[in-house]
Amino acid sequence: KEKLGGDAMMGTRTQTILPLNEPSFISVSGSEFIDVKPGAYGCQIQDRDSEQYALRWHLDFPNGARRNDVELPAERIYFLSRCWLPSSTDESMLALENARKEKKQVMS
């Protein structure tokens, strides 16, 4: 789903993240469920030469969560990761590896 507007941290175009299930964990109190509301993600180019992108996303935890010494506050939590598209060199190496495997199968 496309989400219009967006958060300044996320860039100009964001997509909605919908939780697929209700996260839970087992504690001394038994099963505990974490309330997670839909969030959003966005991807922005950081370096054109290396095809590096910044992948940012957020989720809302209206009630927060706590387990042992880890606590999620009752607020929107942002995440950031970097990712790269396969370069033409990577694709060439993969094609070479596949050709070698096919040759080996034919020769055996």
N, C-alpha and C. Protein backbone atom coordinates (compact mmCIF):
# COMPACT_ATOMS: atom_id res chain seq x y z
N LYS A 1 0.85 -1.19 0.00
CA LYS A 1 0.00 0.00 0.00
C LYS A 1 0.88 1.24 0.00
N GLU A 2 0.52 2.18 -0.78
CA GLU A 2 1.27 3.43 -0.79
C GLU A 2 0.72 4.35 0.28
N LYS A 3 1.61 5.01 0.96
CA LYS A 3 1.23 5.96 2.00
C LYS A 3 1.64 7.34 1.54
N LEU A 4 0.71 8.24 1.44
CA LEU A 4 1.01 9.58 0.96
C LEU A 4 1.60 10.43 2.07
N GLY A 5 2.29 11.47 1.65
CA GLY A 5 2.89 12.37 2.64
C GLY A 5 4.20 11.78 3.09
N GLY A 6 4.22 11.21 4.25
CA GLY A 6 5.43 10.58 4.73
C GLY A 6 6.07 11.35 5.86
N ASP A 7 6.98 10.72 6.46
CA ASP A 7 7.74 11.25 7.58
C ASP A 7 9.04 11.82 7.01
N ALA A 8 9.51 12.91 7.53
CA ALA A 8 10.73 13.54 7.01
C ALA A 8 11.91 12.58 7.04
N MET A 9 11.97 11.69 8.02
CA MET A 9 13.05 10.72 8.12
C MET A 9 12.98 9.67 7.02
N MET A 10 11.80 9.48 6.44
CA MET A 10 11.58 8.37 5.53
C MET A 10 11.78 8.73 4.06
N GLY A 11 11.87 10.00 3.74
CA GLY A 11 11.99 10.40 2.34
C GLY A 11 10.64 10.84 1.81
N THR A 12 10.58 11.06 0.51
CA THR A 12 9.36 11.61 -0.08
C THR A 12 8.32 10.56 -0.43
N ARG A 13 8.74 9.34 -0.72
CA ARG A 13 7.78 8.27 -1.04
C ARG A 13 7.95 7.15 -0.03
N THR A 14 6.88 6.82 0.63
CA THR A 14 6.94 5.73 1.59
C THR A 14 5.88 4.70 1.25
N GLN A 15 6.10 3.50 1.73
CA GLN A 15 5.16 2.40 1.57
C GLN A 15 4.76 1.93 2.96
N THR A 16 3.54 1.47 3.08
CA THR A 16 3.04 1.02 4.37
C THR A 16 3.57 -0.37 4.72
N ILE A 17 3.89 -0.58 5.98
CA ILE A 17 4.24 -1.90 6.51
C ILE A 17 3.05 -2.34 7.36
N LEU A 18 2.50 -3.49 7.05
CA LEU A 18 1.40 -4.04 7.84
C LEU A 18 1.90 -5.24 8.61
N PRO A 19 1.74 -5.26 9.93
CA PRO A 19 2.15 -6.44 10.71
C PRO A 19 1.38 -7.67 10.23
N LEU A 20 2.07 -8.79 10.04
CA LEU A 20 1.43 -10.01 9.56
C LEU A 20 0.84 -10.85 10.68
N ASN A 21 1.33 -10.65 11.89
CA ASN A 21 0.79 -11.38 13.03
C ASN A 21 1.03 -10.55 14.29
N GLU A 22 0.56 -11.06 15.38
CA GLU A 22 0.72 -10.36 16.65
C GLU A 22 1.96 -10.92 17.35
N PRO A 23 3.04 -10.15 17.42
CA PRO A 23 4.26 -10.65 18.06
C PRO A 23 4.01 -11.00 19.53
N SER A 24 4.67 -12.05 19.96
CA SER A 24 4.52 -12.46 21.36
C SER A 24 5.82 -13.08 21.85
N PHE A 25 5.90 -13.22 23.15
CA PHE A 25 7.02 -13.92 23.77
C PHE A 25 6.51 -14.54 25.06
N ILE A 26 7.28 -15.48 25.56
CA ILE A 26 6.93 -16.17 26.80
C ILE A 26 7.77 -15.60 27.93
N SER A 27 7.12 -15.23 28.99
CA SER A 27 7.82 -14.72 30.17
C SER A 27 7.34 -15.51 31.38
N VAL A 28 7.80 -15.12 32.55
CA VAL A 28 7.34 -15.79 33.78
C VAL A 28 5.84 -15.57 33.98
N SER A 29 5.28 -14.54 33.33
CA SER A 29 3.84 -14.27 33.42
C SER A 29 3.04 -15.06 32.38
N GLY A 30 3.73 -15.85 31.54
CA GLY A 30 3.06 -16.58 30.47
C GLY A 30 3.26 -15.89 29.13
N SER A 31 2.35 -16.13 28.20
CA SER A 31 2.44 -15.49 26.88
C SER A 31 2.10 -14.01 26.98
N GLU A 32 2.96 -13.19 26.42
CA GLU A 32 2.71 -11.75 26.38
C GLU A 32 2.71 -11.30 24.93
N PHE A 33 1.73 -10.50 24.57
CA PHE A 33 1.58 -10.03 23.20
C PHE A 33 1.98 -8.56 23.11
N ILE A 34 2.60 -8.21 21.99
CA ILE A 34 3.07 -6.84 21.77
C ILE A 34 2.17 -6.20 20.72
N ASP A 35 1.60 -5.07 21.06
CA ASP A 35 0.75 -4.34 20.13
C ASP A 35 1.64 -3.54 19.17
N VAL A 36 1.57 -3.88 17.88
CA VAL A 36 2.35 -3.19 16.85
C VAL A 36 1.38 -2.64 15.82
N LYS A 37 1.45 -1.35 15.57
CA LYS A 37 0.59 -0.70 14.59
C LYS A 37 1.33 -0.61 13.25
N PRO A 38 0.59 -0.46 12.15
CA PRO A 38 1.25 -0.33 10.85
C PRO A 38 2.27 0.80 10.85
N GLY A 39 3.33 0.58 10.11
CA GLY A 39 4.39 1.57 9.98
C GLY A 39 4.62 1.88 8.51
N ALA A 40 5.82 2.28 8.18
CA ALA A 40 6.15 2.62 6.80
C ALA A 40 7.63 2.40 6.55
N TYR A 41 7.98 2.29 5.27
CA TYR A 41 9.39 2.20 4.91
C TYR A 41 9.65 3.07 3.69
N GLY A 42 10.89 3.44 3.53
CA GLY A 42 11.33 4.21 2.38
C GLY A 42 12.76 3.85 2.05
N CYS A 43 13.13 4.03 0.80
CA CYS A 43 14.47 3.70 0.34
C CYS A 43 14.99 4.88 -0.47
N GLN A 44 16.19 5.34 -0.13
CA GLN A 44 16.79 6.49 -0.82
C GLN A 44 18.22 6.16 -1.24
N ILE A 45 18.59 6.58 -2.44
CA ILE A 45 19.96 6.37 -2.92
C ILE A 45 20.91 7.22 -2.08
N GLN A 46 22.02 6.62 -1.66
CA GLN A 46 23.04 7.33 -0.88
C GLN A 46 24.29 7.58 -1.70
N ASP A 47 24.66 6.59 -2.53
CA ASP A 47 25.88 6.70 -3.35
C ASP A 47 25.61 6.02 -4.69
N ARG A 48 25.51 6.81 -5.73
CA ARG A 48 25.17 6.26 -7.05
C ARG A 48 26.26 5.34 -7.59
N ASP A 49 27.52 5.65 -7.33
CA ASP A 49 28.61 4.83 -7.86
C ASP A 49 28.57 3.41 -7.31
N SER A 50 28.34 3.26 -6.02
CA SER A 50 28.31 1.93 -5.41
C SER A 50 26.90 1.36 -5.34
N GLU A 51 25.91 2.11 -5.81
CA GLU A 51 24.50 1.72 -5.75
C GLU A 51 24.07 1.41 -4.32
N GLN A 52 24.56 2.22 -3.39
CA GLN A 52 24.20 2.05 -1.97
C GLN A 52 22.93 2.83 -1.68
N TYR A 53 22.00 2.17 -1.00
CA TYR A 53 20.74 2.79 -0.62
C TYR A 53 20.61 2.79 0.90
N ALA A 54 19.86 3.74 1.42
CA ALA A 54 19.48 3.75 2.83
C ALA A 54 18.05 3.24 2.90
N LEU A 55 17.86 2.15 3.61
CA LEU A 55 16.52 1.59 3.82
C LEU A 55 16.10 1.97 5.22
N ARG A 56 15.06 2.80 5.32
CA ARG A 56 14.57 3.26 6.62
C ARG A 56 13.15 2.77 6.81
N TRP A 57 12.83 2.39 8.04
CA TRP A 57 11.46 2.00 8.34
C TRP A 57 11.14 2.32 9.77
N HIS A 58 9.86 2.38 10.04
CA HIS A 58 9.43 2.61 11.42
C HIS A 58 8.20 1.77 11.72
N LEU A 59 8.04 1.46 12.99
CA LEU A 59 6.86 0.77 13.51
C LEU A 59 6.41 1.51 14.76
N ASP A 60 5.12 1.48 15.01
CA ASP A 60 4.57 2.11 16.21
C ASP A 60 4.24 1.05 17.25
N PHE A 61 4.73 1.25 18.46
CA PHE A 61 4.48 0.37 19.59
C PHE A 61 3.70 1.18 20.63
N PRO A 62 2.36 1.25 20.52
CA PRO A 62 1.58 2.14 21.39
C PRO A 62 1.68 1.81 22.88
N ASN A 63 1.92 0.54 23.21
CA ASN A 63 2.01 0.15 24.62
C ASN A 63 3.43 -0.19 25.04
N GLY A 64 4.37 -0.09 24.10
CA GLY A 64 5.73 -0.48 24.41
C GLY A 64 5.82 -1.97 24.69
N ALA A 65 6.97 -2.41 25.12
CA ALA A 65 7.17 -3.82 25.48
C ALA A 65 8.42 -3.92 26.32
N ARG A 66 8.43 -4.92 27.19
CA ARG A 66 9.60 -5.13 28.04
C ARG A 66 9.78 -6.63 28.26
N ARG A 67 11.02 -7.07 28.10
CA ARG A 67 11.37 -8.46 28.40
C ARG A 67 12.80 -8.46 28.93
N ASN A 68 12.96 -9.01 30.11
CA ASN A 68 14.26 -9.03 30.78
C ASN A 68 14.83 -7.62 30.84
N ASP A 69 16.01 -7.41 30.24
CA ASP A 69 16.64 -6.09 30.32
C ASP A 69 16.44 -5.26 29.05
N VAL A 70 15.53 -5.68 28.18
CA VAL A 70 15.26 -4.96 26.93
C VAL A 70 13.89 -4.32 27.00
N GLU A 71 13.84 -3.04 26.62
CA GLU A 71 12.56 -2.32 26.67
C GLU A 71 12.36 -1.52 25.39
N LEU A 72 11.16 -1.65 24.81
CA LEU A 72 10.75 -0.81 23.69
C LEU A 72 9.82 0.25 24.26
N PRO A 73 10.14 1.52 24.09
CA PRO A 73 9.26 2.56 24.63
C PRO A 73 7.94 2.61 23.85
N ALA A 74 6.93 3.16 24.48
CA ALA A 74 5.61 3.30 23.85
C ALA A 74 5.65 4.50 22.90
N GLU A 75 6.20 4.28 21.71
CA GLU A 75 6.33 5.35 20.73
C GLU A 75 6.70 4.76 19.38
N ARG A 76 6.91 5.61 18.41
CA ARG A 76 7.39 5.21 17.09
C ARG A 76 8.88 4.93 17.20
N ILE A 77 9.30 3.79 16.66
CA ILE A 77 10.70 3.42 16.68
C ILE A 77 11.20 3.33 15.24
N TYR A 78 12.32 4.02 14.99
CA TYR A 78 12.91 4.07 13.66
C TYR A 78 14.05 3.07 13.54
N PHE A 79 14.19 2.50 12.35
CA PHE A 79 15.26 1.57 12.03
C PHE A 79 15.94 2.05 10.76
N LEU A 80 17.23 1.75 10.62
CA LEU A 80 17.98 2.14 9.44
C LEU A 80 18.92 1.02 9.05
N SER A 81 18.97 0.73 7.77
CA SER A 81 19.90 -0.26 7.25
C SER A 81 20.41 0.24 5.91
N ARG A 82 21.52 -0.28 5.49
CA ARG A 82 22.04 0.03 4.17
C ARG A 82 21.87 -1.21 3.30
N CYS A 83 21.66 -0.99 2.02
CA CYS A 83 21.55 -2.11 1.09
C CYS A 83 22.14 -1.69 -0.25
N TRP A 84 22.51 -2.68 -1.05
CA TRP A 84 23.12 -2.43 -2.34
C TRP A 84 22.42 -3.27 -3.38
N LEU A 85 22.32 -2.73 -4.58
CA LEU A 85 21.82 -3.50 -5.71
C LEU A 85 23.00 -4.29 -6.26
N PRO A 86 22.72 -5.46 -6.82
CA PRO A 86 23.84 -6.21 -7.40
C PRO A 86 24.46 -5.41 -8.54
N SER A 87 25.76 -5.31 -8.54
CA SER A 87 26.43 -4.58 -9.61
C SER A 87 26.60 -5.49 -10.82
N SER A 88 26.97 -4.93 -11.93
CA SER A 88 27.16 -5.73 -13.14
C SER A 88 28.28 -6.74 -12.92
N THR A 89 29.29 -6.41 -12.10
CA THR A 89 30.37 -7.34 -11.80
C THR A 89 29.82 -8.55 -11.06
N ASP A 90 28.96 -8.31 -10.07
CA ASP A 90 28.36 -9.42 -9.33
C ASP A 90 27.54 -10.30 -10.26
N GLU A 91 26.80 -9.69 -11.16
CA GLU A 91 25.97 -10.46 -12.09
C GLU A 91 26.84 -11.26 -13.04
N SER A 92 27.96 -10.69 -13.48
CA SER A 92 28.88 -11.40 -14.37
C SER A 92 29.49 -12.60 -13.67
N MET A 93 29.88 -12.42 -12.41
CA MET A 93 30.46 -13.53 -11.64
C MET A 93 29.44 -14.64 -11.43
N LEU A 94 28.20 -14.28 -11.19
CA LEU A 94 27.14 -15.27 -11.02
C LEU A 94 26.91 -16.02 -12.32
N ALA A 95 26.89 -15.32 -13.44
CA ALA A 95 26.71 -15.96 -14.75
C ALA A 95 27.86 -16.92 -15.03
N LEU A 96 29.10 -16.52 -14.71
CA LEU A 96 30.26 -17.38 -14.90
C LEU A 96 30.15 -18.64 -14.04
N GLU A 97 29.76 -18.47 -12.79
CA GLU A 97 29.60 -19.62 -11.89
C GLU A 97 28.53 -20.57 -12.40
N ASN A 98 27.41 -20.04 -12.88
CA ASN A 98 26.34 -20.88 -13.43
C ASN A 98 26.81 -21.62 -14.67
N ALA A 99 27.58 -20.95 -15.54
CA ALA A 99 28.11 -21.59 -16.75
C ALA A 99 29.05 -22.73 -16.38
N ARG A 100 29.88 -22.53 -15.37
CA ARG A 100 30.80 -23.59 -14.93
C ARG A 100 30.03 -24.79 -14.39
N LYS A 101 28.95 -24.53 -13.64
CA LYS A 101 28.13 -25.63 -13.11
C LYS A 101 27.48 -26.41 -14.24
N GLU A 102 26.96 -25.70 -15.24
CA GLU A 102 26.32 -26.37 -16.37
C GLU A 102 27.34 -27.20 -17.15
N LYS A 103 28.55 -26.66 -17.33
CA LYS A 103 29.61 -27.39 -18.04
C LYS A 103 29.95 -28.66 -17.28
N LYS A 104 30.06 -28.56 -15.97
CA LYS A 104 30.39 -29.72 -15.14
C LYS A 104 29.32 -30.80 -15.26
N GLN A 105 28.04 -30.38 -15.29
CA GLN A 105 26.94 -31.34 -15.41
C GLN A 105 26.98 -32.03 -16.78
N VAL A 106 27.28 -31.27 -17.84
CA VAL A 106 27.33 -31.83 -19.19
C VAL A 106 28.50 -32.80 -19.32
N MET A 107 29.63 -32.46 -18.72
CA MET A 107 30.84 -33.27 -18.83
C MET A 107 30.77 -34.55 -17.99
N SER A 108 29.88 -34.60 -17.00
CA SER A 108 29.85 -35.80 -16.15
C SER A 108 28.88 -36.84 -16.64
